Amino acid sequence: MRRMCHADIRFRAISEFRQRANCDLAKTEAGEFVEAAREDGESFLEATKTDLLIWTRQLADGVLTKDEFEFLVKGKKDVAKMEALAQAGIGAAKVEKIRTGLINAVLQKALSMI
């Protein structure tokens, strides 16, 4: 079994935080469409999991700067398609607010731990 390094522990904390942040965003921004928001958020988090793990390790090891890390994470914004929300009839502005909030929550937590 592989030994856990500090970056792995930080990544787990970030992962747990982003799941909570996703639920909070869904509740406050999506109203009656909270389940669609959670579904979209979870899809995004799963799709970016590998990259975020790598980048978190690189940030912790000093391979990436905070600015580079932020640039990479924000570059994944297009992966957050938010299809369930769009199908549920949520307006584009609200979908974009949820997407941006999710990205910012990941960045905030990751950068606060380094």
PDB file of N, CA and C in Angstrom:
ATOM      1  N   MET A   1       0.835  -1.184   0.000  1.00  0.00           N
ATOM      2  CA  MET A   1       0.000   0.000   0.000  1.00  0.00           C
ATOM      3  C   MET A   1       0.882   1.251   0.000  1.00  0.00           C
ATOM      4  N   ARG A   2       0.500   2.233  -0.783  1.00  0.00           N
ATOM      5  CA  ARG A   2       1.265   3.454  -0.914  1.00  0.00           C
ATOM      6  C   ARG A   2       1.105   4.328   0.318  1.00  0.00           C
ATOM      7  N   ARG A   3       2.199   4.890   0.749  1.00  0.00           N
ATOM      8  CA  ARG A   3       2.171   5.765   1.909  1.00  0.00           C
ATOM      9  C   ARG A   3       1.582   7.121   1.533  1.00  0.00           C
ATOM     10  N   MET A   4       0.767   7.671   2.396  1.00  0.00           N
ATOM     11  CA  MET A   4       0.141   8.967   2.133  1.00  0.00           C
ATOM     12  C   MET A   4       1.156  10.082   2.352  1.00  0.00           C
ATOM     13  N   CYS A   5       1.267  10.992   1.397  1.00  0.00           N
ATOM     14  CA  CYS A   5       2.116  12.161   1.583  1.00  0.00           C
ATOM     15  C   CYS A   5       1.232  13.341   1.957  1.00  0.00           C
ATOM     16  N   HIS A   6       1.851  14.427   2.366  1.00  0.00           N
ATOM     17  CA  HIS A   6       1.087  15.606   2.781  1.00  0.00           C
ATOM     18  C   HIS A   6       0.188  16.121   1.666  1.00  0.00           C
ATOM     19  N   ALA A   7       0.665  16.059   0.435  1.00  0.00           N
ATOM     20  CA  ALA A   7      -0.157  16.537  -0.687  1.00  0.00           C
ATOM     21  C   ALA A   7      -1.404  15.683  -0.842  1.00  0.00           C
ATOM     22  N   ASP A   8      -1.285  14.362  -0.616  1.00  0.00           N
ATOM     23  CA  ASP A   8      -2.459  13.489  -0.703  1.00  0.00           C
ATOM     24  C   ASP A   8      -3.473  13.833   0.377  1.00  0.00           C
ATOM     25  N   ILE A   9      -2.983  14.101   1.569  1.00  0.00           N
ATOM     26  CA  ILE A   9      -3.867  14.466   2.677  1.00  0.00           C
ATOM     27  C   ILE A   9      -4.555  15.791   2.365  1.00  0.00           C
ATOM     28  N   ARG A  10      -3.784  16.748   1.855  1.00  0.00           N
ATOM     29  CA  ARG A  10      -4.372  18.033   1.477  1.00  0.00           C
ATOM     30  C   ARG A  10      -5.414  17.842   0.390  1.00  0.00           C
ATOM     31  N   PHE A  11      -5.111  16.971  -0.580  1.00  0.00           N
ATOM     32  CA  PHE A  11      -6.068  16.746  -1.661  1.00  0.00           C
ATOM     33  C   PHE A  11      -7.361  16.159  -1.111  1.00  0.00           C
ATOM     34  N   ARG A  12      -7.264  15.249  -0.189  1.00  0.00           N
ATOM     35  CA  ARG A  12      -8.485  14.677   0.408  1.00  0.00           C
ATOM     36  C   ARG A  12      -9.298  15.752   1.113  1.00  0.00           C
ATOM     37  N   ALA A  13      -8.606  16.634   1.825  1.00  0.00           N
ATOM     38  CA  ALA A  13      -9.310  17.722   2.510  1.00  0.00           C
ATOM     39  C   ALA A  13      -9.976  18.649   1.496  1.00  0.00           C
ATOM     40  N   ILE A  14      -9.280  18.933   0.410  1.00  0.00           N
ATOM     41  CA  ILE A  14      -9.848  19.774  -0.646  1.00  0.00           C
ATOM     42  C   ILE A  14     -11.048  19.080  -1.261  1.00  0.00           C
ATOM     43  N   SER A  15     -10.929  17.790  -1.507  1.00  0.00           N
ATOM     44  CA  SER A  15     -12.016  17.025  -2.107  1.00  0.00           C
ATOM     45  C   SER A  15     -13.254  17.051  -1.211  1.00  0.00           C
ATOM     46  N   GLU A  16     -13.058  16.838   0.086  1.00  0.00           N
ATOM     47  CA  GLU A  16     -14.182  16.876   1.019  1.00  0.00           C
ATOM     48  C   GLU A  16     -14.794  18.265   1.071  1.00  0.00           C
ATOM     49  N   PHE A  17     -13.930  19.289   1.070  1.00  0.00           N
ATOM     50  CA  PHE A  17     -14.422  20.663   1.112  1.00  0.00           C
ATOM     51  C   PHE A  17     -15.212  21.000  -0.142  1.00  0.00           C
ATOM     52  N   ARG A  18     -14.721  20.600  -1.295  1.00  0.00           N
ATOM     53  CA  ARG A  18     -15.419  20.961  -2.533  1.00  0.00           C
ATOM     54  C   ARG A  18     -16.771  20.257  -2.622  1.00  0.00           C
ATOM     55  N   GLN A  19     -16.882  19.068  -2.050  1.00  0.00           N
ATOM     56  CA  GLN A  19     -18.180  18.405  -2.024  1.00  0.00           C
ATOM     57  C   GLN A  19     -19.159  19.177  -1.149  1.00  0.00           C
ATOM     58  N   ARG A  20     -18.685  19.650   0.014  1.00  0.00           N
ATOM     59  CA  ARG A  20     -19.547  20.464   0.882  1.00  0.00           C
ATOM     60  C   ARG A  20     -19.887  21.788   0.207  1.00  0.00           C
ATOM     61  N   ALA A  21     -18.889  22.397  -0.440  1.00  0.00           N
ATOM     62  CA  ALA A  21     -19.116  23.669  -1.136  1.00  0.00           C
ATOM     63  C   ALA A  21     -20.125  23.485  -2.253  1.00  0.00           C
ATOM     64  N   ASN A  22     -20.032  22.375  -2.960  1.00  0.00           N
ATOM     65  CA  ASN A  22     -20.985  22.088  -4.028  1.00  0.00           C
ATOM     66  C   ASN A  22     -22.396  22.005  -3.465  1.00  0.00           C
ATOM     67  N   CYS A  23     -22.579  21.330  -2.348  1.00  0.00           N
ATOM     68  CA  CYS A  23     -23.903  21.216  -1.728  1.00  0.00           C
ATOM     69  C   CYS A  23     -24.403  22.588  -1.287  1.00  0.00           C
ATOM     70  N   ASP A  24     -23.522  23.391  -0.685  1.00  0.00           N
ATOM     71  CA  ASP A  24     -23.914  24.726  -0.237  1.00  0.00           C
ATOM     72  C   ASP A  24     -24.314  25.605  -1.424  1.00  0.00           C
ATOM     73  N   LEU A  25     -23.529  25.571  -2.488  1.00  0.00           N
ATOM     74  CA  LEU A  25     -23.856  26.346  -3.688  1.00  0.00           C
ATOM     75  C   LEU A  25     -25.190  25.898  -4.266  1.00  0.00           C
ATOM     76  N   ALA A  26     -25.381  24.604  -4.310  1.00  0.00           N
ATOM     77  CA  ALA A  26     -26.632  24.067  -4.857  1.00  0.00           C
ATOM     78  C   ALA A  26     -27.823  24.575  -4.059  1.00  0.00           C
ATOM     79  N   LYS A  27     -27.708  24.574  -2.745  1.00  0.00           N
ATOM     80  CA  LYS A  27     -28.812  25.006  -1.895  1.00  0.00           C
ATOM     81  C   LYS A  27     -29.114  26.493  -2.054  1.00  0.00           C
ATOM     82  N   THR A  28     -28.061  27.312  -2.105  1.00  0.00           N
ATOM     83  CA  THR A  28     -28.284  28.753  -2.133  1.00  0.00           C
ATOM     84  C   THR A  28     -28.585  29.297  -3.522  1.00  0.00           C
ATOM     85  N   GLU A  29     -28.057  28.681  -4.549  1.00  0.00           N
ATOM     86  CA  GLU A  29     -28.185  29.242  -5.893  1.00  0.00           C
ATOM     87  C   GLU A  29     -29.213  28.549  -6.774  1.00  0.00           C
ATOM     88  N   ALA A  30     -29.473  27.286  -6.540  1.00  0.00           N
ATOM     89  CA  ALA A  30     -30.332  26.542  -7.464  1.00  0.00           C
ATOM     90  C   ALA A  30     -31.765  26.369  -6.971  1.00  0.00           C
ATOM     91  N   GLY A  31     -32.002  26.706  -5.720  1.00  0.00           N
ATOM     92  CA  GLY A  31     -33.367  26.621  -5.195  1.00  0.00           C
ATOM     93  C   GLY A  31     -33.979  25.248  -5.389  1.00  0.00           C
ATOM     94  N   GLU A  32     -35.074  25.197  -6.101  1.00  0.00           N
ATOM     95  CA  GLU A  32     -35.801  23.939  -6.290  1.00  0.00           C
ATOM     96  C   GLU A  32     -35.047  22.949  -7.167  1.00  0.00           C
ATOM     97  N   PHE A  33     -33.978  23.392  -7.805  1.00  0.00           N
ATOM     98  CA  PHE A  33     -33.195  22.521  -8.684  1.00  0.00           C
ATOM     99  C   PHE A  33     -31.915  22.045  -8.000  1.00  0.00           C
ATOM    100  N   VAL A  34     -31.966  21.932  -6.688  1.00  0.00           N
ATOM    101  CA  VAL A  34     -30.782  21.592  -5.904  1.00  0.00           C
ATOM    102  C   VAL A  34     -30.181  20.250  -6.324  1.00  0.00           C
ATOM    103  N   GLU A  35     -30.997  19.270  -6.632  1.00  0.00           N
ATOM    104  CA  GLU A  35     -30.465  17.959  -7.024  1.00  0.00           C
ATOM    105  C   GLU A  35     -29.725  18.036  -8.354  1.00  0.00           C
ATOM    106  N   ALA A  36     -30.234  18.809  -9.290  1.00  0.00           N
ATOM    107  CA  ALA A  36     -29.555  18.983 -10.577  1.00  0.00           C
ATOM    108  C   ALA A  36     -28.209  19.672 -10.360  1.00  0.00           C
ATOM    109  N   ALA A  37     -28.163  20.659  -9.473  1.00  0.00           N
ATOM    110  CA  ALA A  37     -26.920  21.373  -9.182  1.00  0.00           C
ATOM    111  C   ALA A  37     -25.899  20.438  -8.540  1.00  0.00           C
ATOM    112  N   ARG A  38     -26.348  19.620  -7.615  1.00  0.00           N
ATOM    113  CA  ARG A  38     -25.443  18.661  -6.974  1.00  0.00           C
ATOM    114  C   ARG A  38     -24.901  17.663  -8.000  1.00  0.00           C
ATOM    115  N   GLU A  39     -25.779  17.191  -8.853  1.00  0.00           N
ATOM    116  CA  GLU A  39     -25.363  16.228  -9.881  1.00  0.00           C
ATOM    117  C   GLU A  39     -24.299  16.837 -10.794  1.00  0.00           C
ATOM    118  N   ASP A  40     -24.534  18.049 -11.247  1.00  0.00           N
ATOM    119  CA  ASP A  40     -23.562  18.712 -12.123  1.00  0.00           C
ATOM    120  C   ASP A  40     -22.253  18.974 -11.397  1.00  0.00           C
ATOM    121  N   GLY A  41     -22.344  19.405 -10.163  1.00  0.00           N
ATOM    122  CA  GLY A  41     -21.133  19.671  -9.384  1.00  0.00           C
ATOM    123  C   GLY A  41     -20.312  18.411  -9.182  1.00  0.00           C
ATOM    124  N   GLU A  42     -20.973  17.318  -8.853  1.00  0.00           N
ATOM    125  CA  GLU A  42     -20.275  16.048  -8.662  1.00  0.00           C
ATOM    126  C   GLU A  42     -19.640  15.558  -9.970  1.00  0.00           C
ATOM    127  N   SER A  43     -20.327  15.759 -11.073  1.00  0.00           N
ATOM    128  CA  SER A  43     -19.766  15.372 -12.379  1.00  0.00           C
ATOM    129  C   SER A  43     -18.493  16.150 -12.655  1.00  0.00           C
ATOM    130  N   PHE A  44     -18.517  17.430 -12.366  1.00  0.00           N
ATOM    131  CA  PHE A  44     -17.329  18.256 -12.562  1.00  0.00           C
ATOM    132  C   PHE A  44     -16.193  17.796 -11.652  1.00  0.00           C
ATOM    133  N   LEU A  45     -16.502  17.570 -10.396  1.00  0.00           N
ATOM    134  CA  LEU A  45     -15.469  17.170  -9.445  1.00  0.00           C
ATOM    135  C   LEU A  45     -14.846  15.830  -9.824  1.00  0.00           C
ATOM    136  N   GLU A  46     -15.652  14.920 -10.304  1.00  0.00           N
ATOM    137  CA  GLU A  46     -15.126  13.620 -10.731  1.00  0.00           C
ATOM    138  C   GLU A  46     -14.274  13.771 -11.991  1.00  0.00           C
ATOM    139  N   ALA A  47     -14.711  14.598 -12.915  1.00  0.00           N
ATOM    140  CA  ALA A  47     -13.984  14.778 -14.178  1.00  0.00           C
ATOM    141  C   ALA A  47     -12.631  15.462 -13.983  1.00  0.00           C
ATOM    142  N   THR A  48     -12.494  16.249 -12.933  1.00  0.00           N
ATOM    143  CA  THR A  48     -11.241  16.990 -12.705  1.00  0.00           C
ATOM    144  C   THR A  48     -10.381  16.394 -11.601  1.00  0.00           C
ATOM    145  N   LYS A  49     -10.819  15.312 -11.024  1.00  0.00           N
ATOM    146  CA  LYS A  49     -10.150  14.715  -9.861  1.00  0.00           C
ATOM    147  C   LYS A  49      -8.661  14.438 -10.101  1.00  0.00           C
ATOM    148  N   THR A  50      -8.344  13.787 -11.192  1.00  0.00           N
ATOM    149  CA  THR A  50      -6.949  13.414 -11.463  1.00  0.00           C
ATOM    150  C   THR A  50      -6.071  14.644 -11.630  1.00  0.00           C
ATOM    151  N   ASP A  51      -6.535  15.591 -12.434  1.00  0.00           N
ATOM    152  CA  ASP A  51      -5.748  16.812 -12.636  1.00  0.00           C
ATOM    153  C   ASP A  51      -5.560  17.570 -11.327  1.00  0.00           C
ATOM    154  N   LEU A  52      -6.627  17.688 -10.544  1.00  0.00           N
ATOM    155  CA  LEU A  52      -6.511  18.416  -9.282  1.00  0.00           C
ATOM    156  C   LEU A  52      -5.548  17.738  -8.315  1.00  0.00           C
ATOM    157  N   LEU A  53      -5.541  16.427  -8.312  1.00  0.00           N
ATOM    158  CA  LEU A  53      -4.603  15.708  -7.459  1.00  0.00           C
ATOM    159  C   LEU A  53      -3.164  15.999  -7.887  1.00  0.00           C
ATOM    160  N   ILE A  54      -2.901  15.914  -9.162  1.00  0.00           N
ATOM    161  CA  ILE A  54      -1.555  16.184  -9.683  1.00  0.00           C
ATOM    162  C   ILE A  54      -1.146  17.621  -9.376  1.00  0.00           C
ATOM    163  N   TRP A  55      -2.029  18.549  -9.683  1.00  0.00           N
ATOM    164  CA  TRP A  55      -1.694  19.960  -9.487  1.00  0.00           C
ATOM    165  C   TRP A  55      -1.539  20.313  -8.019  1.00  0.00           C
ATOM    166  N   THR A  56      -2.326  19.689  -7.154  1.00  0.00           N
ATOM    167  CA  THR A  56      -2.191  19.935  -5.717  1.00  0.00           C
ATOM    168  C   THR A  56      -0.828  19.460  -5.226  1.00  0.00           C
ATOM    169  N   ARG A  57      -0.413  18.302  -5.692  1.00  0.00           N
ATOM    170  CA  ARG A  57       0.916  17.792  -5.329  1.00  0.00           C
ATOM    171  C   ARG A  57       2.003  18.726  -5.841  1.00  0.00           C
ATOM    172  N   GLN A  58       1.868  19.158  -7.089  1.00  0.00           N
ATOM    173  CA  GLN A  58       2.872  20.049  -7.665  1.00  0.00           C
ATOM    174  C   GLN A  58       2.920  21.390  -6.937  1.00  0.00           C
ATOM    175  N   LEU A  59       1.777  21.896  -6.545  1.00  0.00           N
ATOM    176  CA  LEU A  59       1.734  23.139  -5.780  1.00  0.00           C
ATOM    177  C   LEU A  59       2.412  22.956  -4.430  1.00  0.00           C
ATOM    178  N   ALA A  60       2.104  21.874  -3.746  1.00  0.00           N
ATOM    179  CA  ALA A  60       2.695  21.594  -2.437  1.00  0.00           C
ATOM    180  C   ALA A  60       4.206  21.399  -2.529  1.00  0.00           C
ATOM    181  N   ASP A  61       4.670  20.814  -3.638  1.00  0.00           N
ATOM    182  CA  ASP A  61       6.102  20.564  -3.826  1.00  0.00           C
ATOM    183  C   ASP A  61       6.849  21.765  -4.383  1.00  0.00           C
ATOM    184  N   GLY A  62       6.133  22.839  -4.708  1.00  0.00           N
ATOM    185  CA  GLY A  62       6.780  24.030  -5.239  1.00  0.00           C
ATOM    186  C   GLY A  62       7.042  23.972  -6.733  1.00  0.00           C
ATOM    187  N   VAL A  63       6.535  22.946  -7.405  1.00  0.00           N
ATOM    188  CA  VAL A  63       6.705  22.818  -8.849  1.00  0.00           C
ATOM    189  C   VAL A  63       5.835  23.858  -9.557  1.00  0.00           C
ATOM    190  N   LEU A  64       4.645  24.098  -9.006  1.00  0.00           N
ATOM    191  CA  LEU A  64       3.735  25.119  -9.526  1.00  0.00           C
ATOM    192  C   LEU A  64       3.665  26.278  -8.549  1.00  0.00           C
ATOM    193  N   THR A  65       3.537  27.485  -9.082  1.00  0.00           N
ATOM    194  CA  THR A  65       3.264  28.637  -8.228  1.00  0.00           C
ATOM    195  C   THR A  65       1.755  28.708  -7.991  1.00  0.00           C
ATOM    196  N   LYS A  66       1.353  29.541  -7.055  1.00  0.00           N
ATOM    197  CA  LYS A  66      -0.080  29.711  -6.796  1.00  0.00           C
ATOM    198  C   LYS A  66      -0.787  30.250  -8.046  1.00  0.00           C
ATOM    199  N   ASP A  67      -0.133  31.171  -8.739  1.00  0.00           N
ATOM    200  CA  ASP A  67      -0.739  31.724  -9.965  1.00  0.00           C
ATOM    201  C   ASP A  67      -0.903  30.663 -11.042  1.00  0.00           C
ATOM    202  N   GLU A  68       0.102  29.799 -11.190  1.00  0.00           N
ATOM    203  CA  GLU A  68      -0.003  28.719 -12.181  1.00  0.00           C
ATOM    204  C   GLU A  68      -1.113  27.738 -11.813  1.00  0.00           C
ATOM    205  N   PHE A  69      -1.192  27.409 -10.527  1.00  0.00           N
ATOM    206  CA  PHE A  69      -2.236  26.508 -10.052  1.00  0.00           C
ATOM    207  C   PHE A  69      -3.613  27.108 -10.336  1.00  0.00           C
ATOM    208  N   GLU A  70      -3.784  28.373 -10.005  1.00  0.00           N
ATOM    209  CA  GLU A  70      -5.060  29.049 -10.237  1.00  0.00           C
ATOM    210  C   GLU A  70      -5.409  29.056 -11.723  1.00  0.00           C
ATOM    211  N   PHE A  71      -4.440  29.332 -12.567  1.00  0.00           N
ATOM    212  CA  PHE A  71      -4.660  29.338 -14.016  1.00  0.00           C
ATOM    213  C   PHE A  71      -5.135  27.968 -14.504  1.00  0.00           C
ATOM    214  N   LEU A  72      -4.495  26.909 -14.035  1.00  0.00           N
ATOM    215  CA  LEU A  72      -4.858  25.552 -14.445  1.00  0.00           C
ATOM    216  C   LEU A  72      -6.275  25.183 -13.981  1.00  0.00           C
ATOM    217  N   VAL A  73      -6.587  25.492 -12.729  1.00  0.00           N
ATOM    218  CA  VAL A  73      -7.911  25.150 -12.205  1.00  0.00           C
ATOM    219  C   VAL A  73      -8.992  25.934 -12.948  1.00  0.00           C
ATOM    220  N   LYS A  74      -8.769  27.215 -13.152  1.00  0.00           N
ATOM    221  CA  LYS A  74      -9.756  28.018 -13.875  1.00  0.00           C
ATOM    222  C   LYS A  74      -9.902  27.546 -15.319  1.00  0.00           C
ATOM    223  N   GLY A  75      -8.849  26.961 -15.861  1.00  0.00           N
ATOM    224  CA  GLY A  75      -8.909  26.413 -17.209  1.00  0.00           C
ATOM    225  C   GLY A  75      -9.842  25.223 -17.323  1.00  0.00           C
ATOM    226  N   LYS A  76     -10.174  24.612 -16.212  1.00  0.00           N
ATOM    227  CA  LYS A  76     -11.085  23.464 -16.200  1.00  0.00           C
ATOM    228  C   LYS A  76     -12.548  23.895 -16.138  1.00  0.00           C
ATOM    229  N   LYS A  77     -12.800  25.168 -16.140  1.00  0.00           N
ATOM    230  CA  LYS A  77     -14.167  25.680 -16.031  1.00  0.00           C
ATOM    231  C   LYS A  77     -15.076  25.116 -17.124  1.00  0.00           C
ATOM    232  N   ASP A  78     -14.529  24.934 -18.306  1.00  0.00           N
ATOM    233  CA  ASP A  78     -15.334  24.402 -19.409  1.00  0.00           C
ATOM    234  C   ASP A  78     -15.763  22.955 -19.183  1.00  0.00           C
ATOM    235  N   VAL A  79     -15.048  22.243 -18.326  1.00  0.00           N
ATOM    236  CA  VAL A  79     -15.411  20.859 -18.016  1.00  0.00           C
ATOM    237  C   VAL A  79     -16.718  20.825 -17.225  1.00  0.00           C
ATOM    238  N   ALA A  80     -16.973  21.894 -16.484  1.00  0.00           N
ATOM    239  CA  ALA A  80     -18.202  21.986 -15.688  1.00  0.00           C
ATOM    240  C   ALA A  80     -19.355  22.379 -16.614  1.00  0.00           C
ATOM    241  N   LYS A  81     -19.890  21.399 -17.298  1.00  0.00           N
ATOM    242  CA  LYS A  81     -20.915  21.655 -18.315  1.00  0.00           C
ATOM    243  C   LYS A  81     -22.269  22.029 -17.714  1.00  0.00           C
ATOM    244  N   MET A  82     -22.543  21.570 -16.506  1.00  0.00           N
ATOM    245  CA  MET A  82     -23.781  21.886 -15.813  1.00  0.00           C
ATOM    246  C   MET A  82     -24.999  21.507 -16.659  1.00  0.00           C
ATOM    247  N   GLU A  83     -24.944  20.326 -17.244  1.00  0.00           N
ATOM    248  CA  GLU A  83     -26.010  19.859 -18.133  1.00  0.00           C
ATOM    249  C   GLU A  83     -27.344  19.641 -17.428  1.00  0.00           C
ATOM    250  N   ALA A  84     -27.308  19.089 -16.227  1.00  0.00           N
ATOM    251  CA  ALA A  84     -28.559  18.829 -15.515  1.00  0.00           C
ATOM    252  C   ALA A  84     -29.282  20.139 -15.199  1.00  0.00           C
ATOM    253  N   LEU A  85     -28.528  21.159 -14.826  1.00  0.00           N
ATOM    254  CA  LEU A  85     -29.151  22.455 -14.555  1.00  0.00           C
ATOM    255  C   LEU A  85     -29.741  23.056 -15.822  1.00  0.00           C
ATOM    256  N   ALA A  86     -29.014  22.966 -16.918  1.00  0.00           N
ATOM    257  CA  ALA A  86     -29.518  23.502 -18.182  1.00  0.00           C
ATOM    258  C   ALA A  86     -30.801  22.782 -18.590  1.00  0.00           C
ATOM    259  N   GLN A  87     -30.818  21.473 -18.428  1.00  0.00           N
ATOM    260  CA  GLN A  87     -32.011  20.695 -18.774  1.00  0.00           C
ATOM    261  C   GLN A  87     -33.181  21.018 -17.851  1.00  0.00           C
ATOM    262  N   ALA A  88     -32.861  21.405 -16.622  1.00  0.00           N
ATOM    263  CA  ALA A  88     -33.910  21.730 -15.658  1.00  0.00           C
ATOM    264  C   ALA A  88     -34.497  23.122 -15.909  1.00  0.00           C
ATOM    265  N   GLY A  89     -33.863  23.885 -16.793  1.00  0.00           N
ATOM    266  CA  GLY A  89     -34.397  25.196 -17.132  1.00  0.00           C
ATOM    267  C   GLY A  89     -33.822  26.354 -16.349  1.00  0.00           C
ATOM    268  N   ILE A  90     -32.725  26.142 -15.653  1.00  0.00           N
ATOM    269  CA  ILE A  90     -32.061  27.230 -14.928  1.00  0.00           C
ATOM    270  C   ILE A  90     -31.447  28.176 -15.957  1.00  0.00           C
ATOM    271  N   GLY A  91     -31.530  29.453 -15.715  1.00  0.00           N
ATOM    272  CA  GLY A  91     -30.977  30.447 -16.626  1.00  0.00           C
ATOM    273  C   GLY A  91     -29.464  30.378 -16.713  1.00  0.00           C
ATOM    274  N   ALA A  92     -28.941  30.809 -17.834  1.00  0.00           N
ATOM    275  CA  ALA A  92     -27.499  30.753 -18.089  1.00  0.00           C
ATOM    276  C   ALA A  92     -26.701  31.543 -17.054  1.00  0.00           C
ATOM    277  N   ALA A  93     -27.214  32.678 -16.624  1.00  0.00           N
ATOM    278  CA  ALA A  93     -26.491  33.494 -15.642  1.00  0.00           C
ATOM    279  C   ALA A  93     -26.359  32.760 -14.308  1.00  0.00           C
ATOM    280  N   LYS A  94     -27.418  32.101 -13.890  1.00  0.00           N
ATOM    281  CA  LYS A  94     -27.393  31.356 -12.624  1.00  0.00           C
ATOM    282  C   LYS A  94     -26.461  30.147 -12.733  1.00  0.00           C
ATOM    283  N   VAL A  95     -26.491  29.462 -13.878  1.00  0.00           N
ATOM    284  CA  VAL A  95     -25.584  28.319 -14.098  1.00  0.00           C
ATOM    285  C   VAL A  95     -24.142  28.794 -14.032  1.00  0.00           C
ATOM    286  N   GLU A  96     -23.847  29.911 -14.660  1.00  0.00           N
ATOM    287  CA  GLU A  96     -22.485  30.447 -14.653  1.00  0.00           C
ATOM    288  C   GLU A  96     -22.061  30.831 -13.236  1.00  0.00           C
ATOM    289  N   LYS A  97     -22.976  31.375 -12.454  1.00  0.00           N
ATOM    290  CA  LYS A  97     -22.664  31.744 -11.068  1.00  0.00           C
ATOM    291  C   LYS A  97     -22.313  30.504 -10.244  1.00  0.00           C
ATOM    292  N   ILE A  98     -23.046  29.436 -10.439  1.00  0.00           N
ATOM    293  CA  ILE A  98     -22.771  28.192  -9.709  1.00  0.00           C
ATOM    294  C   ILE A  98     -21.427  27.616 -10.154  1.00  0.00           C
ATOM    295  N   ARG A  99     -21.188  27.599 -11.454  1.00  0.00           N
ATOM    296  CA  ARG A  99     -19.924  27.077 -11.990  1.00  0.00           C
ATOM    297  C   ARG A  99     -18.735  27.869 -11.434  1.00  0.00           C
ATOM    298  N   THR A 100     -18.826  29.186 -11.480  1.00  0.00           N
ATOM    299  CA  THR A 100     -17.751  30.039 -10.974  1.00  0.00           C
ATOM    300  C   THR A 100     -17.568  29.846  -9.470  1.00  0.00           C
ATOM    301  N   GLY A 101     -18.661  29.729  -8.741  1.00  0.00           N
ATOM    302  CA  GLY A 101     -18.572  29.507  -7.301  1.00  0.00           C
ATOM    303  C   GLY A 101     -17.881  28.206  -6.951  1.00  0.00           C
ATOM    304  N   LEU A 102     -18.134  27.176  -7.721  1.00  0.00           N
ATOM    305  CA  LEU A 102     -17.495  25.886  -7.490  1.00  0.00           C
ATOM    306  C   LEU A 102     -15.987  25.968  -7.728  1.00  0.00           C
ATOM    307  N   ILE A 103     -15.597  26.591  -8.828  1.00  0.00           N
ATOM    308  CA  ILE A 103     -14.168  26.763  -9.139  1.00  0.00           C
ATOM    309  C   ILE A 103     -13.497  27.583  -8.033  1.00  0.00           C
ATOM    310  N   ASN A 104     -14.127  28.669  -7.625  1.00  0.00           N
ATOM    311  CA  ASN A 104     -13.539  29.523  -6.591  1.00  0.00           C
ATOM    312  C   ASN A 104     -13.425  28.819  -5.252  1.00  0.00           C
ATOM    313  N   ALA A 105     -14.386  27.962  -4.929  1.00  0.00           N
ATOM    314  CA  ALA A 105     -14.322  27.205  -3.669  1.00  0.00           C
ATOM    315  C   ALA A 105     -13.132  26.254  -3.670  1.00  0.00           C
ATOM    316  N   VAL A 106     -12.899  25.593  -4.803  1.00  0.00           N
ATOM    317  CA  VAL A 106     -11.751  24.685  -4.918  1.00  0.00           C
ATOM    318  C   VAL A 106     -10.454  25.476  -4.758  1.00  0.00           C
ATOM    319  N   LEU A 107     -10.356  26.595  -5.442  1.00  0.00           N
ATOM    320  CA  LEU A 107      -9.143  27.416  -5.360  1.00  0.00           C
ATOM    321  C   LEU A 107      -8.910  27.935  -3.943  1.00  0.00           C
ATOM    322  N   GLN A 108      -9.942  28.443  -3.325  1.00  0.00           N
ATOM    323  CA  GLN A 108      -9.828  28.994  -1.987  1.00  0.00           C
ATOM    324  C   GLN A 108      -9.298  27.972  -1.000  1.00  0.00           C
ATOM    325  N   LYS A 109      -9.872  26.793  -1.031  1.00  0.00           N
ATOM    326  CA  LYS A 109      -9.462  25.752  -0.092  1.00  0.00           C
ATOM    327  C   LYS A 109      -8.045  25.281  -0.377  1.00  0.00           C
ATOM    328  N   ALA A 110      -7.743  25.032  -1.650  1.00  0.00           N
ATOM    329  CA  ALA A 110      -6.402  24.537  -2.002  1.00  0.00           C
ATOM    330  C   ALA A 110      -5.332  25.539  -1.616  1.00  0.00           C
ATOM    331  N   LEU A 111      -5.540  26.788  -1.936  1.00  0.00           N
ATOM    332  CA  LEU A 111      -4.524  27.800  -1.661  1.00  0.00           C
ATOM    333  C   LEU A 111      -4.392  28.100  -0.167  1.00  0.00           C
ATOM    334  N   SER A 112      -5.462  27.913   0.582  1.00  0.00           N
ATOM    335  CA  SER A 112      -5.382  28.152   2.029  1.00  0.00           C
ATOM    336  C   SER A 112      -4.592  27.060   2.744  1.00  0.00           C
ATOM    337  N   MET A 113      -4.433  25.914   2.091  1.00  0.00           N
ATOM    338  CA  MET A 113      -3.735  24.788   2.732  1.00  0.00           C
ATOM    339  C   MET A 113      -2.249  24.735   2.399  1.00  0.00           C
ATOM    340  N   ILE A 114      -1.814  25.555   1.478  1.00  0.00           N
ATOM    341  CA  ILE A 114      -0.394  25.514   1.071  1.00  0.00           C
ATOM    342  C   ILE A 114       0.389  26.566   1.809  1.00  0.00           C
TER     343      ILE A 114
END
